[in-house]
Amino acid sequence: PGWQWKTENNISHPDHWAQNKLHQWYGLNHDGAYTLQGNTPVHGLSY
């Protein structure tokens, strides 16, 4: 079921992650874009 969900919804990263034109990852929240800290717990994941 996980593979089916991922494929049908084209999931390739956590919900709150995005990439810029240089393929660098950053986060998004209610304040807008923010820098992802490496040692911060990841969130935005499905089971």
ModelCIF file with pLDDT and N, C-alpha, C, O atoms, coordinates in Angstrom:
data_MODEL
#
_entry.id   MODEL 
#
_entity.id                         1 
_entity.type                       polymer 
_entity.pdbx_number_of_molecules   1 
#
_entity_poly.entity_id                      1 
_entity_poly.type                           'polypeptide(L)' 
_entity_poly.nstd_linkage                   no 
_entity_poly.nstd_monomer                   no 
_entity_poly.pdbx_seq_one_letter_code       PGWQWKTENNISHPDHWAQNKLHQWYGLNHDGAYTLQGNTPVHGLSY 
_entity_poly.pdbx_seq_one_letter_code_can   PGWQWKTENNISHPDHWAQNKLHQWYGLNHDGAYTLQGNTPVHGLSY 
_entity_poly.pdbx_strand_id                 A 
#
loop_
_entity_poly_seq.entity_id 
_entity_poly_seq.num 
_entity_poly_seq.mon_id 
_entity_poly_seq.hetero 
1 1  PRO n 
1 2  GLY n 
1 3  TRP n 
1 4  GLN n 
1 5  TRP n 
1 6  LYS n 
1 7  THR n 
1 8  GLU n 
1 9  ASN n 
1 10 ASN n 
1 11 ILE n 
1 12 SER n 
1 13 HIS n 
1 14 PRO n 
1 15 ASP n 
1 16 HIS n 
1 17 TRP n 
1 18 ALA n 
1 19 GLN n 
1 20 ASN n 
1 21 LYS n 
1 22 LEU n 
1 23 HIS n 
1 24 GLN n 
1 25 TRP n 
1 26 TYR n 
1 27 GLY n 
1 28 LEU n 
1 29 ASN n 
1 30 HIS n 
1 31 ASP n 
1 32 GLY n 
1 33 ALA n 
1 34 TYR n 
1 35 THR n 
1 36 LEU n 
1 37 GLN n 
1 38 GLY n 
1 39 ASN n 
1 40 THR n 
1 41 PRO n 
1 42 VAL n 
1 43 HIS n 
1 44 GLY n 
1 45 LEU n 
1 46 SER n 
1 47 TYR n 
#
_struct_asym.id          A 
_struct_asym.entity_id   1 
#
loop_
_ma_qa_metric.id 
_ma_qa_metric.mode 
_ma_qa_metric.name 
_ma_qa_metric.software_group_id 
_ma_qa_metric.type 
1 global pLDDT . pLDDT 
2 local  pLDDT . pLDDT 
#
_ma_qa_metric_global.metric_id      1 
_ma_qa_metric_global.metric_value   96.85 
_ma_qa_metric_global.model_id       1 
_ma_qa_metric_global.ordinal_id     1 
#
loop_
_ma_qa_metric_local.label_asym_id 
_ma_qa_metric_local.label_comp_id 
_ma_qa_metric_local.label_seq_id 
_ma_qa_metric_local.metric_id 
_ma_qa_metric_local.metric_value 
_ma_qa_metric_local.model_id 
_ma_qa_metric_local.ordinal_id 
A PRO 1  2 98.00 1 1  
A GLY 2  2 98.00 1 2  
A TRP 3  2 98.00 1 3  
A GLN 4  2 98.00 1 4  
A TRP 5  2 98.00 1 5  
A LYS 6  2 98.00 1 6  
A THR 7  2 98.00 1 7  
A GLU 8  2 98.00 1 8  
A ASN 9  2 98.00 1 9  
A ASN 10 2 98.00 1 10 
A ILE 11 2 98.00 1 11 
A SER 12 2 98.00 1 12 
A HIS 13 2 98.00 1 13 
A PRO 14 2 98.00 1 14 
A ASP 15 2 97.00 1 15 
A HIS 16 2 95.00 1 16 
A TRP 17 2 98.00 1 17 
A ALA 18 2 97.00 1 18 
A GLN 19 2 96.00 1 19 
A ASN 20 2 96.00 1 20 
A LYS 21 2 95.00 1 21 
A LEU 22 2 95.00 1 22 
A HIS 23 2 94.00 1 23 
A GLN 24 2 95.00 1 24 
A TRP 25 2 97.00 1 25 
A TYR 26 2 98.00 1 26 
A GLY 27 2 97.00 1 27 
A LEU 28 2 95.00 1 28 
A ASN 29 2 93.00 1 29 
A HIS 30 2 91.00 1 30 
A ASP 31 2 93.00 1 31 
A GLY 32 2 96.00 1 32 
A ALA 33 2 96.00 1 33 
A TYR 34 2 97.00 1 34 
A THR 35 2 97.00 1 35 
A LEU 36 2 97.00 1 36 
A GLN 37 2 97.00 1 37 
A GLY 38 2 98.00 1 38 
A ASN 39 2 98.00 1 39 
A THR 40 2 97.00 1 40 
A PRO 41 2 98.00 1 41 
A VAL 42 2 98.00 1 42 
A HIS 43 2 97.00 1 43 
A GLY 44 2 98.00 1 44 
A LEU 45 2 98.00 1 45 
A SER 46 2 98.00 1 46 
A TYR 47 2 98.00 1 47 
#
loop_
_atom_site.group_PDB 
_atom_site.id 
_atom_site.type_symbol 
_atom_site.label_atom_id 
_atom_site.label_alt_id 
_atom_site.label_comp_id 
_atom_site.label_asym_id 
_atom_site.label_entity_id 
_atom_site.label_seq_id 
_atom_site.pdbx_PDB_ins_code 
_atom_site.Cartn_x 
_atom_site.Cartn_y 
_atom_site.Cartn_z 
_atom_site.occupancy 
_atom_site.B_iso_or_equiv 
_atom_site.pdbx_formal_charge 
_atom_site.auth_seq_id 
_atom_site.auth_comp_id 
_atom_site.auth_asym_id 
_atom_site.auth_atom_id 
_atom_site.pdbx_PDB_model_num 
ATOM 1   N N  . PRO A 1 1  ? 0.823  -1.229 0.000   1.00 98.00 ? 1  PRO A N  1 
ATOM 2   C CA . PRO A 1 1  ? 0.000  0.000  0.000   1.00 98.00 ? 1  PRO A CA 1 
ATOM 3   C C  . PRO A 1 1  ? 0.844  1.260  0.000   1.00 98.00 ? 1  PRO A C  1 
ATOM 4   O O  . PRO A 1 1  ? 0.442  2.271  -0.576  1.00 98.00 ? 1  PRO A O  1 
ATOM 5   N N  . GLY A 1 2  ? 2.020  1.217  0.644   1.00 98.00 ? 2  GLY A N  1 
ATOM 6   C CA . GLY A 1 2  ? 2.891  2.380  0.647   1.00 98.00 ? 2  GLY A CA 1 
ATOM 7   C C  . GLY A 1 2  ? 3.404  2.712  -0.741  1.00 98.00 ? 2  GLY A C  1 
ATOM 8   O O  . GLY A 1 2  ? 3.422  3.878  -1.138  1.00 98.00 ? 2  GLY A O  1 
ATOM 9   N N  . TRP A 1 3  ? 3.820  1.699  -1.479  1.00 98.00 ? 3  TRP A N  1 
ATOM 10  C CA . TRP A 1 3  ? 4.320  1.918  -2.841  1.00 98.00 ? 3  TRP A CA 1 
ATOM 11  C C  . TRP A 1 3  ? 3.197  2.437  -3.741  1.00 98.00 ? 3  TRP A C  1 
ATOM 12  O O  . TRP A 1 3  ? 3.422  3.337  -4.551  1.00 98.00 ? 3  TRP A O  1 
ATOM 13  N N  . GLN A 1 4  ? 2.021  1.893  -3.609  1.00 98.00 ? 4  GLN A N  1 
ATOM 14  C CA . GLN A 1 4  ? 0.888  2.355  -4.404  1.00 98.00 ? 4  GLN A CA 1 
ATOM 15  C C  . GLN A 1 4  ? 0.575  3.821  -4.109  1.00 98.00 ? 4  GLN A C  1 
ATOM 16  O O  . GLN A 1 4  ? 0.366  4.614  -5.027  1.00 98.00 ? 4  GLN A O  1 
ATOM 17  N N  . TRP A 1 5  ? 0.546  4.175  -2.823  1.00 98.00 ? 5  TRP A N  1 
ATOM 18  C CA . TRP A 1 5  ? 0.285  5.564  -2.431  1.00 98.00 ? 5  TRP A CA 1 
ATOM 19  C C  . TRP A 1 5  ? 1.358  6.500  -2.970  1.00 98.00 ? 5  TRP A C  1 
ATOM 20  O O  . TRP A 1 5  ? 1.043  7.549  -3.533  1.00 98.00 ? 5  TRP A O  1 
ATOM 21  N N  . LYS A 1 6  ? 2.625  6.126  -2.800  1.00 98.00 ? 6  LYS A N  1 
ATOM 22  C CA . LYS A 1 6  ? 3.740  6.951  -3.261  1.00 98.00 ? 6  LYS A CA 1 
ATOM 23  C C  . LYS A 1 6  ? 3.689  7.161  -4.771  1.00 98.00 ? 6  LYS A C  1 
ATOM 24  O O  . LYS A 1 6  ? 3.915  8.268  -5.262  1.00 98.00 ? 6  LYS A O  1 
ATOM 25  N N  . THR A 1 7  ? 3.392  6.092  -5.499  1.00 98.00 ? 7  THR A N  1 
ATOM 26  C CA . THR A 1 7  ? 3.378  6.167  -6.961  1.00 98.00 ? 7  THR A CA 1 
ATOM 27  C C  . THR A 1 7  ? 2.199  6.990  -7.462  1.00 98.00 ? 7  THR A C  1 
ATOM 28  O O  . THR A 1 7  ? 2.356  7.841  -8.338  1.00 98.00 ? 7  THR A O  1 
ATOM 29  N N  . GLU A 1 8  ? 1.030  6.736  -6.911  1.00 98.00 ? 8  GLU A N  1 
ATOM 30  C CA . GLU A 1 8  ? -0.163 7.452  -7.360  1.00 98.00 ? 8  GLU A CA 1 
ATOM 31  C C  . GLU A 1 8  ? -0.101 8.943  -7.064  1.00 98.00 ? 8  GLU A C  1 
ATOM 32  O O  . GLU A 1 8  ? -0.692 9.746  -7.784  1.00 98.00 ? 8  GLU A O  1 
ATOM 33  N N  . ASN A 1 9  ? 0.615  9.315  -6.004  1.00 98.00 ? 9  ASN A N  1 
ATOM 34  C CA . ASN A 1 9  ? 0.679  10.724 -5.594  1.00 98.00 ? 9  ASN A CA 1 
ATOM 35  C C  . ASN A 1 9  ? 2.013  11.390 -5.907  1.00 98.00 ? 9  ASN A C  1 
ATOM 36  O O  . ASN A 1 9  ? 2.250  12.539 -5.532  1.00 98.00 ? 9  ASN A O  1 
ATOM 37  N N  . ASN A 1 10 ? 2.885  10.651 -6.604  1.00 98.00 ? 10 ASN A N  1 
ATOM 38  C CA . ASN A 1 10 ? 4.178  11.197 -7.041  1.00 98.00 ? 10 ASN A CA 1 
ATOM 39  C C  . ASN A 1 10 ? 4.953  11.793 -5.867  1.00 98.00 ? 10 ASN A C  1 
ATOM 40  O O  . ASN A 1 10 ? 5.427  12.927 -5.939  1.00 98.00 ? 10 ASN A O  1 
ATOM 41  N N  . ILE A 1 11 ? 5.078  11.031 -4.800  1.00 98.00 ? 11 ILE A N  1 
ATOM 42  C CA . ILE A 1 11 ? 5.760  11.486 -3.590  1.00 98.00 ? 11 ILE A CA 1 
ATOM 43  C C  . ILE A 1 11 ? 7.254  11.222 -3.702  1.00 98.00 ? 11 ILE A C  1 
ATOM 44  O O  . ILE A 1 11 ? 7.668  10.109 -4.027  1.00 98.00 ? 11 ILE A O  1 
ATOM 45  N N  . SER A 1 12 ? 8.068  12.244 -3.433  1.00 98.00 ? 12 SER A N  1 
ATOM 46  C CA . SER A 1 12 ? 9.516  12.072 -3.550  1.00 98.00 ? 12 SER A CA 1 
ATOM 47  C C  . SER A 1 12 ? 10.301 12.797 -2.456  1.00 98.00 ? 12 SER A C  1 
ATOM 48  O O  . SER A 1 12 ? 11.530 12.843 -2.506  1.00 98.00 ? 12 SER A O  1 
ATOM 49  N N  . HIS A 1 13 ? 9.602  13.363 -1.469  1.00 98.00 ? 13 HIS A N  1 
ATOM 50  C CA . HIS A 1 13 ? 10.270 14.093 -0.392  1.00 98.00 ? 13 HIS A CA 1 
ATOM 51  C C  . HIS A 1 13 ? 9.247  14.397 0.690   1.00 98.00 ? 13 HIS A C  1 
ATOM 52  O O  . HIS A 1 13 ? 8.046  14.272 0.447   1.00 98.00 ? 13 HIS A O  1 
ATOM 53  N N  . PRO A 1 14 ? 9.691  14.795 1.882   1.00 98.00 ? 14 PRO A N  1 
ATOM 54  C CA . PRO A 1 14 ? 8.749  15.143 2.940   1.00 98.00 ? 14 PRO A CA 1 
ATOM 55  C C  . PRO A 1 14 ? 7.824  16.280 2.544   1.00 98.00 ? 14 PRO A C  1 
ATOM 56  O O  . PRO A 1 14 ? 8.146  17.084 1.669   1.00 98.00 ? 14 PRO A O  1 
ATOM 57  N N  . ASP A 1 15 ? 6.691  16.336 3.184   1.00 97.00 ? 15 ASP A N  1 
ATOM 58  C CA . ASP A 1 15 ? 5.631  17.266 2.809   1.00 97.00 ? 15 ASP A CA 1 
ATOM 59  C C  . ASP A 1 15 ? 6.076  18.719 2.851   1.00 97.00 ? 15 ASP A C  1 
ATOM 60  O O  . ASP A 1 15 ? 5.628  19.518 2.028   1.00 97.00 ? 15 ASP A O  1 
ATOM 61  N N  . HIS A 1 16 ? 6.941  19.082 3.783   1.00 95.00 ? 16 HIS A N  1 
ATOM 62  C CA . HIS A 1 16 ? 7.317  20.481 3.974   1.00 95.00 ? 16 HIS A CA 1 
ATOM 63  C C  . HIS A 1 16 ? 8.640  20.843 3.305   1.00 95.00 ? 16 HIS A C  1 
ATOM 64  O O  . HIS A 1 16 ? 9.190  21.916 3.553   1.00 95.00 ? 16 HIS A O  1 
ATOM 65  N N  . TRP A 1 17 ? 9.152  19.950 2.457   1.00 98.00 ? 17 TRP A N  1 
ATOM 66  C CA . TRP A 1 17 ? 10.404 20.215 1.750   1.00 98.00 ? 17 TRP A CA 1 
ATOM 67  C C  . TRP A 1 17 ? 10.131 20.696 0.334   1.00 98.00 ? 17 TRP A C  1 
ATOM 68  O O  . TRP A 1 17 ? 9.126  20.331 -0.276  1.00 98.00 ? 17 TRP A O  1 
ATOM 69  N N  . ALA A 1 18 ? 11.036 21.518 -0.180  1.00 97.00 ? 18 ALA A N  1 
ATOM 70  C CA . ALA A 1 18 ? 10.979 21.965 -1.571  1.00 97.00 ? 18 ALA A CA 1 
ATOM 71  C C  . ALA A 1 18 ? 12.410 22.173 -2.054  1.00 97.00 ? 18 ALA A C  1 
ATOM 72  O O  . ALA A 1 18 ? 13.340 22.252 -1.252  1.00 97.00 ? 18 ALA A O  1 
ATOM 73  N N  . GLN A 1 19 ? 12.579 22.263 -3.384  1.00 96.00 ? 19 GLN A N  1 
ATOM 74  C CA . GLN A 1 19 ? 13.901 22.480 -3.978  1.00 96.00 ? 19 GLN A CA 1 
ATOM 75  C C  . GLN A 1 19 ? 13.916 23.754 -4.802  1.00 96.00 ? 19 GLN A C  1 
ATOM 76  O O  . GLN A 1 19 ? 12.932 24.093 -5.459  1.00 96.00 ? 19 GLN A O  1 
ATOM 77  N N  . ASN A 1 20 ? 15.048 24.462 -4.763  1.00 96.00 ? 20 ASN A N  1 
ATOM 78  C CA . ASN A 1 20 ? 15.191 25.627 -5.636  1.00 96.00 ? 20 ASN A CA 1 
ATOM 79  C C  . ASN A 1 20 ? 15.793 25.200 -6.976  1.00 96.00 ? 20 ASN A C  1 
ATOM 80  O O  . ASN A 1 20 ? 15.966 24.009 -7.237  1.00 96.00 ? 20 ASN A O  1 
ATOM 81  N N  . LYS A 1 21 ? 16.108 26.179 -7.818  1.00 95.00 ? 21 LYS A N  1 
ATOM 82  C CA . LYS A 1 21 ? 16.612 25.874 -9.156  1.00 95.00 ? 21 LYS A CA 1 
ATOM 83  C C  . LYS A 1 21 ? 17.994 25.225 -9.132  1.00 95.00 ? 21 LYS A C  1 
ATOM 84  O O  . LYS A 1 21 ? 18.423 24.625 -10.118 1.00 95.00 ? 21 LYS A O  1 
ATOM 85  N N  . LEU A 1 22 ? 18.680 25.349 -8.009  1.00 95.00 ? 22 LEU A N  1 
ATOM 86  C CA . LEU A 1 22 ? 19.997 24.722 -7.868  1.00 95.00 ? 22 LEU A CA 1 
ATOM 87  C C  . LEU A 1 22 ? 19.891 23.353 -7.212  1.00 95.00 ? 22 LEU A C  1 
ATOM 88  O O  . LEU A 1 22 ? 20.901 22.744 -6.859  1.00 95.00 ? 22 LEU A O  1 
ATOM 89  N N  . HIS A 1 23 ? 18.645 22.867 -7.048  1.00 94.00 ? 23 HIS A N  1 
ATOM 90  C CA . HIS A 1 23 ? 18.360 21.567 -6.443  1.00 94.00 ? 23 HIS A CA 1 
ATOM 91  C C  . HIS A 1 23 ? 18.758 21.518 -4.963  1.00 94.00 ? 23 HIS A C  1 
ATOM 92  O O  . HIS A 1 23 ? 19.053 20.450 -4.427  1.00 94.00 ? 23 HIS A O  1 
ATOM 93  N N  . GLN A 1 24 ? 18.764 22.673 -4.319  1.00 95.00 ? 24 GLN A N  1 
ATOM 94  C CA . GLN A 1 24 ? 19.023 22.744 -2.889  1.00 95.00 ? 24 GLN A CA 1 
ATOM 95  C C  . GLN A 1 24 ? 17.689 22.668 -2.138  1.00 95.00 ? 24 GLN A C  1 
ATOM 96  O O  . GLN A 1 24 ? 16.704 23.297 -2.522  1.00 95.00 ? 24 GLN A O  1 
ATOM 97  N N  . TRP A 1 25 ? 17.686 21.886 -1.067  1.00 97.00 ? 25 TRP A N  1 
ATOM 98  C CA . TRP A 1 25 ? 16.453 21.697 -0.312  1.00 97.00 ? 25 TRP A CA 1 
ATOM 99  C C  . TRP A 1 25 ? 16.257 22.812 0.714   1.00 97.00 ? 25 TRP A C  1 
ATOM 100 O O  . TRP A 1 25 ? 17.212 23.291 1.325   1.00 97.00 ? 25 TRP A O  1 
ATOM 101 N N  . TYR A 1 26 ? 15.002 23.211 0.886   1.00 98.00 ? 26 TYR A N  1 
ATOM 102 C CA . TYR A 1 26 ? 14.628 24.159 1.932   1.00 98.00 ? 26 TYR A CA 1 
ATOM 103 C C  . TYR A 1 26 ? 13.252 23.766 2.456   1.00 98.00 ? 26 TYR A C  1 
ATOM 104 O O  . TYR A 1 26 ? 12.547 22.967 1.840   1.00 98.00 ? 26 TYR A O  1 
ATOM 105 N N  . GLY A 1 27 ? 12.878 24.335 3.598   1.00 97.00 ? 27 GLY A N  1 
ATOM 106 C CA . GLY A 1 27 ? 11.591 24.027 4.196   1.00 97.00 ? 27 GLY A CA 1 
ATOM 107 C C  . GLY A 1 27 ? 10.570 25.120 3.950   1.00 97.00 ? 27 GLY A C  1 
ATOM 108 O O  . GLY A 1 27 ? 10.918 26.257 3.631   1.00 97.00 ? 27 GLY A O  1 
ATOM 109 N N  . LEU A 1 28 ? 9.301  24.759 4.104   1.00 95.00 ? 28 LEU A N  1 
ATOM 110 C CA . LEU A 1 28 ? 8.197  25.707 3.979   1.00 95.00 ? 28 LEU A CA 1 
ATOM 111 C C  . LEU A 1 28 ? 7.291  25.581 5.189   1.00 95.00 ? 28 LEU A C  1 
ATOM 112 O O  . LEU A 1 28 ? 6.925  24.474 5.586   1.00 95.00 ? 28 LEU A O  1 
ATOM 113 N N  . ASN A 1 29 ? 6.928  26.715 5.777   1.00 93.00 ? 29 ASN A N  1 
ATOM 114 C CA . ASN A 1 29 ? 5.931  26.717 6.846   1.00 93.00 ? 29 ASN A CA 1 
ATOM 115 C C  . ASN A 1 29 ? 5.043  27.945 6.714   1.00 93.00 ? 29 ASN A C  1 
ATOM 116 O O  . ASN A 1 29 ? 5.046  28.598 5.670   1.00 93.00 ? 29 ASN A O  1 
ATOM 117 N N  . HIS A 1 30 ? 4.281  28.272 7.758   1.00 91.00 ? 30 HIS A N  1 
ATOM 118 C CA . HIS A 1 30 ? 3.329  29.373 7.660   1.00 91.00 ? 30 HIS A CA 1 
ATOM 119 C C  . HIS A 1 30 ? 4.009  30.734 7.499   1.00 91.00 ? 30 HIS A C  1 
ATOM 120 O O  . HIS A 1 30 ? 3.361  31.710 7.124   1.00 91.00 ? 30 HIS A O  1 
ATOM 121 N N  . ASP A 1 31 ? 5.307  30.801 7.778   1.00 93.00 ? 31 ASP A N  1 
ATOM 122 C CA . ASP A 1 31 ? 6.046  32.049 7.588   1.00 93.00 ? 31 ASP A CA 1 
ATOM 123 C C  . ASP A 1 31 ? 6.742  32.109 6.235   1.00 93.00 ? 31 ASP A C  1 
ATOM 124 O O  . ASP A 1 31 ? 7.344  33.128 5.898   1.00 93.00 ? 31 ASP A O  1 
ATOM 125 N N  . GLY A 1 32 ? 6.670  31.038 5.459   1.00 96.00 ? 32 GLY A N  1 
ATOM 126 C CA . GLY A 1 32 ? 7.329  30.997 4.163   1.00 96.00 ? 32 GLY A CA 1 
ATOM 127 C C  . GLY A 1 32 ? 8.504  30.043 4.156   1.00 96.00 ? 32 GLY A C  1 
ATOM 128 O O  . GLY A 1 32 ? 8.506  29.045 4.877   1.00 96.00 ? 32 GLY A O  1 
ATOM 129 N N  . ALA A 1 33 ? 9.508  30.348 3.340   1.00 96.00 ? 33 ALA A N  1 
ATOM 130 C CA . ALA A 1 33 ? 10.674 29.479 3.193   1.00 96.00 ? 33 ALA A CA 1 
ATOM 131 C C  . ALA A 1 33 ? 11.619 29.636 4.381   1.00 96.00 ? 33 ALA A C  1 
ATOM 132 O O  . ALA A 1 33 ? 11.750 30.724 4.941   1.00 96.00 ? 33 ALA A O  1 
ATOM 133 N N  . TYR A 1 34 ? 12.277 28.536 4.760   1.00 97.00 ? 34 TYR A N  1 
ATOM 134 C CA . TYR A 1 34 ? 13.265 28.585 5.835   1.00 97.00 ? 34 TYR A CA 1 
ATOM 135 C C  . TYR A 1 34 ? 14.354 27.556 5.552   1.00 97.00 ? 34 TYR A C  1 
ATOM 136 O O  . TYR A 1 34 ? 14.148 26.612 4.790   1.00 97.00 ? 34 TYR A O  1 
ATOM 137 N N  . THR A 1 35 ? 15.511 27.749 6.173   1.00 97.00 ? 35 THR A N  1 
ATOM 138 C CA . THR A 1 35 ? 16.645 26.855 5.993   1.00 97.00 ? 35 THR A CA 1 
ATOM 139 C C  . THR A 1 35 ? 16.444 25.580 6.801   1.00 97.00 ? 35 THR A C  1 
ATOM 140 O O  . THR A 1 35 ? 16.135 25.643 7.991   1.00 97.00 ? 35 THR A O  1 
ATOM 141 N N  . LEU A 1 36 ? 16.613 24.450 6.180   1.00 97.00 ? 36 LEU A N  1 
ATOM 142 C CA . LEU A 1 36 ? 16.537 23.167 6.870   1.00 97.00 ? 36 LEU A CA 1 
ATOM 143 C C  . LEU A 1 36 ? 17.843 22.921 7.622   1.00 97.00 ? 36 LEU A C  1 
ATOM 144 O O  . LEU A 1 36 ? 18.923 22.955 7.033   1.00 97.00 ? 36 LEU A O  1 
ATOM 145 N N  . GLN A 1 37 ? 17.735 22.675 8.910   1.00 97.00 ? 37 GLN A N  1 
ATOM 146 C CA . GLN A 1 37 ? 18.907 22.353 9.716   1.00 97.00 ? 37 GLN A CA 1 
ATOM 147 C C  . GLN A 1 37 ? 19.108 20.842 9.740   1.00 97.00 ? 37 GLN A C  1 
ATOM 148 O O  . GLN A 1 37 ? 18.161 20.087 9.964   1.00 97.00 ? 37 GLN A O  1 
ATOM 149 N N  . GLY A 1 38 ? 20.325 20.410 9.513   1.00 98.00 ? 38 GLY A N  1 
ATOM 150 C CA . GLY A 1 38 ? 20.590 18.984 9.393   1.00 98.00 ? 38 GLY A CA 1 
ATOM 151 C C  . GLY A 1 38 ? 20.255 18.176 10.630  1.00 98.00 ? 38 GLY A C  1 
ATOM 152 O O  . GLY A 1 38 ? 19.806 17.035 10.526  1.00 98.00 ? 38 GLY A O  1 
ATOM 153 N N  . ASN A 1 39 ? 20.470 18.763 11.811  1.00 98.00 ? 39 ASN A N  1 
ATOM 154 C CA . ASN A 1 39 ? 20.267 17.994 13.050  1.00 98.00 ? 39 ASN A CA 1 
ATOM 155 C C  . ASN A 1 39 ? 18.883 18.185 13.645  1.00 98.00 ? 39 ASN A C  1 
ATOM 156 O O  . ASN A 1 39 ? 18.631 17.738 14.764  1.00 98.00 ? 39 ASN A O  1 
ATOM 157 N N  . THR A 1 40 ? 17.986 18.834 12.928  1.00 97.00 ? 40 THR A N  1 
ATOM 158 C CA . THR A 1 40 ? 16.611 19.014 13.388  1.00 97.00 ? 40 THR A CA 1 
ATOM 159 C C  . THR A 1 40 ? 15.781 17.798 12.997  1.00 97.00 ? 40 THR A C  1 
ATOM 160 O O  . THR A 1 40 ? 15.928 17.303 11.880  1.00 97.00 ? 40 THR A O  1 
ATOM 161 N N  . PRO A 1 41 ? 14.909 17.295 13.882  1.00 98.00 ? 41 PRO A N  1 
ATOM 162 C CA . PRO A 1 41 ? 14.080 16.139 13.521  1.00 98.00 ? 41 PRO A CA 1 
ATOM 163 C C  . PRO A 1 41 ? 13.265 16.387 12.259  1.00 98.00 ? 41 PRO A C  1 
ATOM 164 O O  . PRO A 1 41 ? 12.633 17.433 12.109  1.00 98.00 ? 41 PRO A O  1 
ATOM 165 N N  . VAL A 1 42 ? 13.287 15.425 11.366  1.00 98.00 ? 42 VAL A N  1 
ATOM 166 C CA . VAL A 1 42 ? 12.508 15.536 10.135  1.00 98.00 ? 42 VAL A CA 1 
ATOM 167 C C  . VAL A 1 42 ? 11.019 15.410 10.451  1.00 98.00 ? 42 VAL A C  1 
ATOM 168 O O  . VAL A 1 42 ? 10.630 14.665 11.351  1.00 98.00 ? 42 VAL A O  1 
ATOM 169 N N  . HIS A 1 43 ? 10.184 16.149 9.699   1.00 97.00 ? 43 HIS A N  1 
ATOM 170 C CA . HIS A 1 43 ? 8.742  15.994 9.845   1.00 97.00 ? 43 HIS A CA 1 
ATOM 171 C C  . HIS A 1 43 ? 8.099  16.155 8.473   1.00 97.00 ? 43 HIS A C  1 
ATOM 172 O O  . HIS A 1 43 ? 8.771  16.462 7.489   1.00 97.00 ? 43 HIS A O  1 
ATOM 173 N N  . GLY A 1 44 ? 6.793  15.942 8.428   1.00 98.00 ? 44 GLY A N  1 
ATOM 174 C CA . GLY A 1 44 ? 6.097  15.944 7.151   1.00 98.00 ? 44 GLY A CA 1 
ATOM 175 C C  . GLY A 1 44 ? 6.080  14.581 6.485   1.00 98.00 ? 44 GLY A C  1 
ATOM 176 O O  . GLY A 1 44 ? 5.987  14.480 5.262   1.00 98.00 ? 44 GLY A O  1 
ATOM 177 N N  . LEU A 1 45 ? 6.171  13.523 7.300   1.00 98.00 ? 45 LEU A N  1 
ATOM 178 C CA . LEU A 1 45 ? 6.216  12.160 6.771   1.00 98.00 ? 45 LEU A CA 1 
ATOM 179 C C  . LEU A 1 45 ? 4.897  11.435 7.002   1.00 98.00 ? 45 LEU A C  1 
ATOM 180 O O  . LEU A 1 45 ? 4.245  11.616 8.031   1.00 98.00 ? 45 LEU A O  1 
ATOM 181 N N  . SER A 1 46 ? 4.519  10.624 6.044   1.00 98.00 ? 46 SER A N  1 
ATOM 182 C CA . SER A 1 46 ? 3.440  9.670  6.238   1.00 98.00 ? 46 SER A CA 1 
ATOM 183 C C  . SER A 1 46 ? 3.983  8.439  6.958   1.00 98.00 ? 46 SER A C  1 
ATOM 184 O O  . SER A 1 46 ? 5.195  8.262  7.083   1.00 98.00 ? 46 SER A O  1 
ATOM 185 N N  . TYR A 1 47 ? 3.070  7.596  7.428   1.00 98.00 ? 47 TYR A N  1 
ATOM 186 C CA . TYR A 1 47 ? 3.495  6.319  8.007   1.00 98.00 ? 47 TYR A CA 1 
ATOM 187 C C  . TYR A 1 47 ? 4.270  5.510  6.968   1.00 98.00 ? 47 TYR A C  1 
ATOM 188 O O  . TYR A 1 47 ? 4.717  4.400  7.257   1.00 98.00 ? 47 TYR A O  1 
#
